[in-house]
C-alpha atoms as a PDB file:
ATOM      1  CA  MET A   1      -0.318  -0.041   0.176  1.00  0.00           C
ATOM      2  CA  LYS A   2       2.632   2.386   0.980  1.00  0.00           C
ATOM      3  CA  ARG A   3       4.521   1.814  -2.588  1.00  0.00           C
ATOM      4  CA  ILE A   4       1.069   2.964  -4.333  1.00  0.00           C
ATOM      5  CA  LEU A   5       0.859   5.823  -2.250  1.00  0.00           C
ATOM      6  CA  ASN A   6       4.189   6.953  -3.283  1.00  0.00           C
ATOM      7  CA  ARG A   7       3.918   6.445  -6.775  1.00  0.00           C
ATOM      8  CA  LEU A   8       0.332   8.839  -6.124  1.00  0.00           C
ATOM      9  CA  PHE A   9       1.943  10.920  -4.095  1.00  0.00           C
ATOM     10  CA  PRO A  10       5.971  11.323  -4.919  1.00  0.00           C
ATOM     11  CA  ALA A  11       7.920  13.311  -2.771  1.00  0.00           C
ATOM     12  CA  GLN A  12       9.060  15.006  -5.437  1.00  0.00           C
ATOM     13  CA  PHE A  13       7.795  15.153  -9.215  1.00  0.00           C
ATOM     14  CA  ASP A  14       9.996  14.399 -12.103  1.00  0.00           C
ATOM     15  CA  ASN A  15      10.138  13.509 -15.700  1.00  0.00           C
ATOM     16  CA  THR A  16      10.214   9.513 -15.153  1.00  0.00           C
ATOM     17  CA  TYR A  17       6.921   7.730 -15.405  1.00  0.00           C
ATOM     18  CA  ARG A  18       6.437   4.569 -14.127  1.00  0.00           C
ATOM     19  CA  GLY A  19       3.680   2.854 -14.972  1.00  0.00           C
ATOM     20  CA  ASN A  20       1.866   0.950 -17.794  1.00  0.00           C
ATOM     21  CA  ARG A  21       2.456   2.888 -21.278  1.00  0.00           C
ATOM     22  CA  LEU A  22      -0.906   2.511 -21.798  1.00  0.00           C
ATOM     23  CA  ALA A  23      -1.897   4.816 -19.141  1.00  0.00           C
ATOM     24  CA  LEU A  24       0.360   7.202 -19.956  1.00  0.00           C
ATOM     25  CA  TRP A  25      -0.445   7.205 -24.138  1.00  0.00           C
ATOM     26  CA  LEU A  26      -4.129   7.442 -23.406  1.00  0.00           C
ATOM     27  CA  PHE A  27      -3.408  10.428 -21.134  1.00  0.00           C
ATOM     28  CA  TYR A  28      -2.159  12.807 -24.354  1.00  0.00           C
ATOM     29  CA  PRO A  29      -5.316  12.485 -26.336  1.00  0.00           C
ATOM     30  CA  LEU A  30      -7.555  13.741 -23.307  1.00  0.00           C
ATOM     31  CA  THR A  31      -5.020  16.575 -22.260  1.00  0.00           C
ATOM     32  CA  ALA A  32      -5.498  17.850 -25.879  1.00  0.00           C
ATOM     33  CA  ALA A  33      -9.235  17.477 -25.694  1.00  0.00           C
ATOM     34  CA  THR A  34      -9.224  19.244 -22.300  1.00  0.00           C
ATOM     35  CA  LEU A  35      -7.007  22.440 -23.645  1.00  0.00           C
ATOM     36  CA  TRP A  36      -9.554  22.747 -26.879  1.00  0.00           C
ATOM     37  CA  ARG A  37     -12.565  22.304 -24.665  1.00  0.00           C
ATOM     38  CA  SER A  38     -11.327  25.002 -22.632  1.00  0.00           C
ATOM     39  CA  GLN A  39     -11.041  27.368 -25.050  1.00  0.00           C
ATOM     40  CA  HIS A  40     -13.895  26.798 -26.929  1.00  0.00           C
ATOM     41  CA  HIS A  41     -16.258  27.138 -23.964  1.00  0.00           C
ATOM     42  CA  ILE A  42     -14.239  30.829 -23.280  1.00  0.00           C
ATOM     43  CA  PHE A  43     -14.269  31.993 -26.644  1.00  0.00           C
ATOM     44  CA  ALA A  44     -17.313  30.867 -28.288  1.00  0.00           C
ATOM     45  CA  PRO A  45     -20.239  32.979 -28.610  1.00  0.00           C
ATOM     46  CA  ASP A  46     -22.515  31.023 -26.771  1.00  0.00           C
ATOM     47  CA  GLY A  47     -19.386  29.008 -24.997  1.00  0.00           C
ATOM     48  CA  GLY A  48     -20.783  26.080 -25.941  1.00  0.00           C
ATOM     49  CA  ALA A  49     -23.684  25.666 -24.331  1.00  0.00           C
ATOM     50  CA  GLN A  50     -26.505  25.502 -27.076  1.00  0.00           C
ATOM     51  CA  SER A  51     -23.864  24.919 -29.908  1.00  0.00           C
ATOM     52  CA  ILE A  52     -22.541  21.940 -28.316  1.00  0.00           C
ATOM     53  CA  ALA A  53     -24.242  21.067 -24.848  1.00  0.00           C
ATOM     54  CA  THR A  54     -27.963  21.265 -26.338  1.00  0.00           C
ATOM     55  CA  ILE A  55     -28.846  23.661 -23.630  1.00  0.00           C
ATOM     56  CA  PRO A  56     -31.922  25.501 -25.084  1.00  0.00           C
ATOM     57  CA  LEU A  57     -30.784  29.378 -24.507  1.00  0.00           C
ATOM     58  CA  ASP A  58     -33.213  30.456 -26.717  1.00  0.00           C
ATOM     59  CA  ALA A  59     -35.875  29.689 -24.496  1.00  0.00           C
ATOM     60  CA  TYR A  60     -33.911  31.533 -21.677  1.00  0.00           C
ATOM     61  CA  THR A  61     -34.200  35.274 -20.975  1.00  0.00           C
ATOM     62  CA  GLN A  62     -31.608  37.023 -22.231  1.00  0.00           C
ATOM     63  CA  GLY A  63     -29.812  37.514 -18.723  1.00  0.00           C
ATOM     64  CA  GLY A  64     -30.631  34.228 -18.339  1.00  0.00           C
ATOM     65  CA  ALA A  65     -28.919  33.055 -21.235  1.00  0.00           C
ATOM     66  CA  GLN A  66     -26.083  35.426 -20.708  1.00  0.00           C
ATOM     67  CA  SER A  67     -25.628  33.778 -17.297  1.00  0.00           C
ATOM     68  CA  VAL A  68     -25.664  30.144 -18.387  1.00  0.00           C
ATOM     69  CA  VAL A  69     -22.960  31.422 -21.491  1.00  0.00           C
ATOM     70  CA  THR A  70     -20.725  33.213 -18.512  1.00  0.00           C
ATOM     71  CA  ILE A  71     -20.677  30.119 -16.536  1.00  0.00           C
ATOM     72  CA  PHE A  72     -19.790  28.379 -19.074  1.00  0.00           C
ATOM     73  CA  ALA A  73     -16.662  30.730 -19.766  1.00  0.00           C
ATOM     74  CA  LEU A  74     -15.970  30.064 -16.268  1.00  0.00           C
ATOM     75  CA  TRP A  75     -16.017  26.449 -16.668  1.00  0.00           C
ATOM     76  CA  GLY A  76     -13.520  26.574 -19.691  1.00  0.00           C
ATOM     77  CA  LEU A  77     -11.251  28.896 -17.474  1.00  0.00           C
ATOM     78  CA  ALA A  78     -11.199  26.102 -14.931  1.00  0.00           C
ATOM     79  CA  GLN A  79     -10.582  23.517 -17.840  1.00  0.00           C
ATOM     80  CA  LEU A  80      -7.910  25.674 -18.976  1.00  0.00           C
ATOM     81  CA  ALA A  81      -6.150  25.530 -15.750  1.00  0.00           C
ATOM     82  CA  MET A  82      -6.320  22.026 -15.713  1.00  0.00           C
ATOM     83  CA  GLY A  83      -5.271  21.438 -19.226  1.00  0.00           C
ATOM     84  CA  LEU A  84      -2.376  23.293 -18.750  1.00  0.00           C
ATOM     85  CA  VAL A  85      -1.270  21.120 -15.540  1.00  0.00           C
ATOM     86  CA  MET A  86      -2.221  17.992 -17.693  1.00  0.00           C
ATOM     87  CA  LEU A  87       0.373  19.749 -20.694  1.00  0.00           C
ATOM     88  CA  LEU A  88       3.123  20.443 -18.244  1.00  0.00           C
ATOM     89  CA  ALA A  89       3.133  16.643 -16.286  1.00  0.00           C
ATOM     90  CA  ALA A  90       2.979  15.312 -20.294  1.00  0.00           C
ATOM     91  CA  ILE A  91       5.933  17.215 -21.108  1.00  0.00           C
ATOM     92  CA  ARG A  92       8.318  17.606 -18.110  1.00  0.00           C
ATOM     93  CA  TYR A  93       6.462  16.083 -14.954  1.00  0.00           C
ATOM     94  CA  LYS A  94       5.226  12.743 -15.950  1.00  0.00           C
ATOM     95  CA  SER A  95       5.757  11.207 -12.406  1.00  0.00           C
ATOM     96  CA  MET A  96       2.283  13.620 -11.849  1.00  0.00           C
ATOM     97  CA  ILE A  97       0.360  11.438 -14.209  1.00  0.00           C
ATOM     98  CA  PRO A  98      -1.104   8.922 -11.728  1.00  0.00           C
ATOM     99  CA  LEU A  99      -2.398  11.821  -9.447  1.00  0.00           C
ATOM    100  CA  LEU A 100      -3.912  13.524 -12.569  1.00  0.00           C
ATOM    101  CA  TRP A 101      -5.884  10.646 -13.396  1.00  0.00           C
ATOM    102  CA  LEU A 102      -6.647  10.354  -9.517  1.00  0.00           C
ATOM    103  CA  PHE A 103      -8.070  14.197 -10.840  1.00  0.00           C
ATOM    104  CA  ILE A 104      -9.920  13.114 -14.131  1.00  0.00           C
ATOM    105  CA  LEU A 105     -11.255  10.294 -12.214  1.00  0.00           C
ATOM    106  CA  LEU A 106     -12.966  12.562  -9.463  1.00  0.00           C
ATOM    107  CA  GLU A 107     -13.715  15.290 -11.658  1.00  0.00           C
ATOM    108  CA  TYR A 108     -16.037  12.996 -14.518  1.00  0.00           C
ATOM    109  CA  GLY A 109     -17.457  10.945 -11.681  1.00  0.00           C
ATOM    110  CA  GLY A 110     -18.170  14.252  -9.521  1.00  0.00           C
ATOM    111  CA  ARG A 111     -19.862  15.430 -12.890  1.00  0.00           C
ATOM    112  CA  LYS A 112     -22.122  12.578 -13.188  1.00  0.00           C
ATOM    113  CA  LEU A 113     -23.359  12.865  -9.619  1.00  0.00           C
ATOM    114  CA  VAL A 114     -23.904  16.198 -10.055  1.00  0.00           C
ATOM    115  CA  GLY A 115     -25.869  15.760 -13.026  1.00  0.00           C
ATOM    116  CA  ILE A 116     -27.716  13.027 -11.116  1.00  0.00           C
ATOM    117  CA  TYR A 117     -28.819  15.707  -8.414  1.00  0.00           C
ATOM    118  CA  LYS A 118     -29.197  18.449 -10.177  1.00  0.00           C
ATOM    119  CA  PRO A 119     -30.242  17.771 -14.392  1.00  0.00           C
ATOM    120  CA  LEU A 120     -29.962  20.295 -16.658  1.00  0.00           C
ATOM    121  CA  GLU A 121     -32.001  20.848 -19.474  1.00  0.00           C
ATOM    122  CA  THR A 122     -30.918  20.010 -22.696  1.00  0.00           C
ATOM    123  CA  ILE A 123     -32.850  19.407 -26.057  1.00  0.00           C
ATOM    124  CA  GLY A 124     -30.353  16.704 -27.165  1.00  0.00           C
ATOM    125  CA  THR A 125     -27.780  14.290 -25.615  1.00  0.00           C
ATOM    126  CA  ALA A 126     -24.595  16.699 -24.863  1.00  0.00           C
ATOM    127  CA  PRO A 127     -21.169  15.076 -25.260  1.00  0.00           C
ATOM    128  CA  GLY A 128     -20.353  15.736 -21.895  1.00  0.00           C
ATOM    129  CA  ALA A 129     -22.906  13.643 -20.565  1.00  0.00           C
ATOM    130  CA  THR A 130     -21.698  10.767 -22.577  1.00  0.00           C
ATOM    131  CA  ALA A 131     -18.104  11.972 -20.956  1.00  0.00           C
ATOM    132  CA  ALA A 132     -19.238  11.747 -17.686  1.00  0.00           C
ATOM    133  CA  THR A 133     -20.441   8.204 -18.286  1.00  0.00           C
ATOM    134  CA  ILE A 134     -17.421   6.865 -20.206  1.00  0.00           C
ATOM    135  CA  LEU A 135     -14.707   8.755 -18.820  1.00  0.00           C
ATOM    136  CA  PRO A 136     -14.986   7.848 -14.783  1.00  0.00           C
ATOM    137  CA  ILE A 137     -14.813   4.499 -15.452  1.00  0.00           C
ATOM    138  CA  ILE A 138     -11.509   4.652 -18.145  1.00  0.00           C
ATOM    139  CA  ALA A 139      -9.993   6.966 -15.911  1.00  0.00           C
ATOM    140  CA  ALA A 140     -10.479   4.515 -12.920  1.00  0.00           C
ATOM    141  CA  LEU A 141      -8.701   1.563 -15.195  1.00  0.00           C
ATOM    142  CA  MET A 142      -6.371   3.949 -16.311  1.00  0.00           C
ATOM    143  CA  LEU A 143      -5.175   5.200 -12.669  1.00  0.00           C
ATOM    144  CA  VAL A 144      -4.330   1.387 -11.833  1.00  0.00           C
ATOM    145  CA  LEU A 145      -2.448   0.773 -15.027  1.00  0.00           C
ATOM    146  CA  ALA A 146      -0.381   4.530 -13.677  1.00  0.00           C
ATOM    147  CA  LEU A 147      -0.008   2.986 -10.577  1.00  0.00           C
ATOM    148  CA  TRP A 148       0.855  -0.450 -11.712  1.00  0.00           C
ATOM    149  CA  PRO A 149       4.640  -0.672 -12.420  1.00  0.00           C
ATOM    150  CA  GLU A 150       5.601  -1.337 -15.907  1.00  0.00           C
ATOM    151  CA  ARG A 151       8.219  -4.594 -16.150  1.00  0.00           C
ATOM    152  CA  ASP A 152      11.606  -3.226 -16.462  1.00  0.00           C
ATOM    153  CA  ARG A 153      12.071  -4.206 -20.135  1.00  0.00           C
ATOM    154  CA  ALA A 154      15.473  -4.815 -20.158  1.00  0.00           C
ATOM    155  CA  ASN A 155      15.499  -6.914 -16.960  1.00  0.00           C
ATOM    156  CA  SER A 156      12.613  -9.339 -18.595  1.00  0.00           C
ATOM    157  CA  ARG A 157      14.459  -9.811 -21.835  1.00  0.00           C
ATOM    158  CA  ALA A 158      17.615 -10.642 -19.877  1.00  0.00           C
ATOM    159  CA  THR A 159      15.135 -13.013 -18.325  1.00  0.00           C
ATOM    160  CA  ARG A 160      13.618 -14.546 -21.191  1.00  0.00           C
ATOM    161  CA  ALA A 161      16.948 -14.952 -22.568  1.00  0.00           C
ATOM    162  CA  HIS A 162      18.208 -16.723 -19.502  1.00  0.00           C
ATOM    163  CA  ALA A 163      14.880 -18.985 -19.406  1.00  0.00           C
ATOM    164  CA  ASN A 164      15.828 -20.319 -23.260  1.00  0.00           C
ATOM    165  CA  MET A 165      19.330 -21.434 -22.381  1.00  0.00           C
ATOM    166  CA  GLN A 166      19.578 -24.895 -21.983  1.00  0.00           C
ATOM    167  CA  VAL A 167      20.639 -25.877 -18.349  1.00  0.00           C
ATOM    168  CA  GLY A 168      22.303 -29.149 -18.108  1.00  0.00           C
ATOM    169  CA  PRO A 169      25.451 -30.938 -16.719  1.00  0.00           C
ATOM    170  CA  ALA A 170      29.001 -29.139 -18.189  1.00  0.00           C
ATOM    171  CA  THR A 171      30.356 -30.999 -20.712  1.00  0.00           C
ATOM    172  CA  LYS A 172      34.088 -30.968 -22.069  1.00  0.00           C
ATOM    173  CA  PRO A 173      34.668 -30.508 -25.212  1.00  0.00           C
ATOM    174  CA  ALA A 174      36.158 -33.638 -27.407  1.00  0.00           C
ATOM    175  CA  ILE A 175      39.664 -33.229 -28.112  1.00  0.00           C
END
């Protein structure tokens, strides 16, 4: 248990990733998607509220619609902060990736729970609703893989080579 906690909360962050490579490689496109979503929520005229999330802004008063757009832009700012931390981890501090998979699990799992208790009126299925269903499962799996030490490739090759050697009584060459 202590080994897992040390991988999740290392004494210092460095650029050495010690987990399974799949969790590392899936972290990259999620980082890109997080950064893209953030800028869209900040800069799109409707913040993505109607154009992506299918919230019927036309049915709201002008003030109500503007409030939703502002909240989406603020959410985009929070996503930008998270995306930049993810990018920093991807480039320079890969030992942070297990901790970030935990944060991703908590964020998307929390979105799903909040959505259940405080549903949002939409006229279609928003991509965020689908992501909030799928990503907690993926993030939990990636967290486990990120904490699971990948076998040392050089040692595993040497072990396989040693296992393939024939072991038997030593024979003297014929003279």
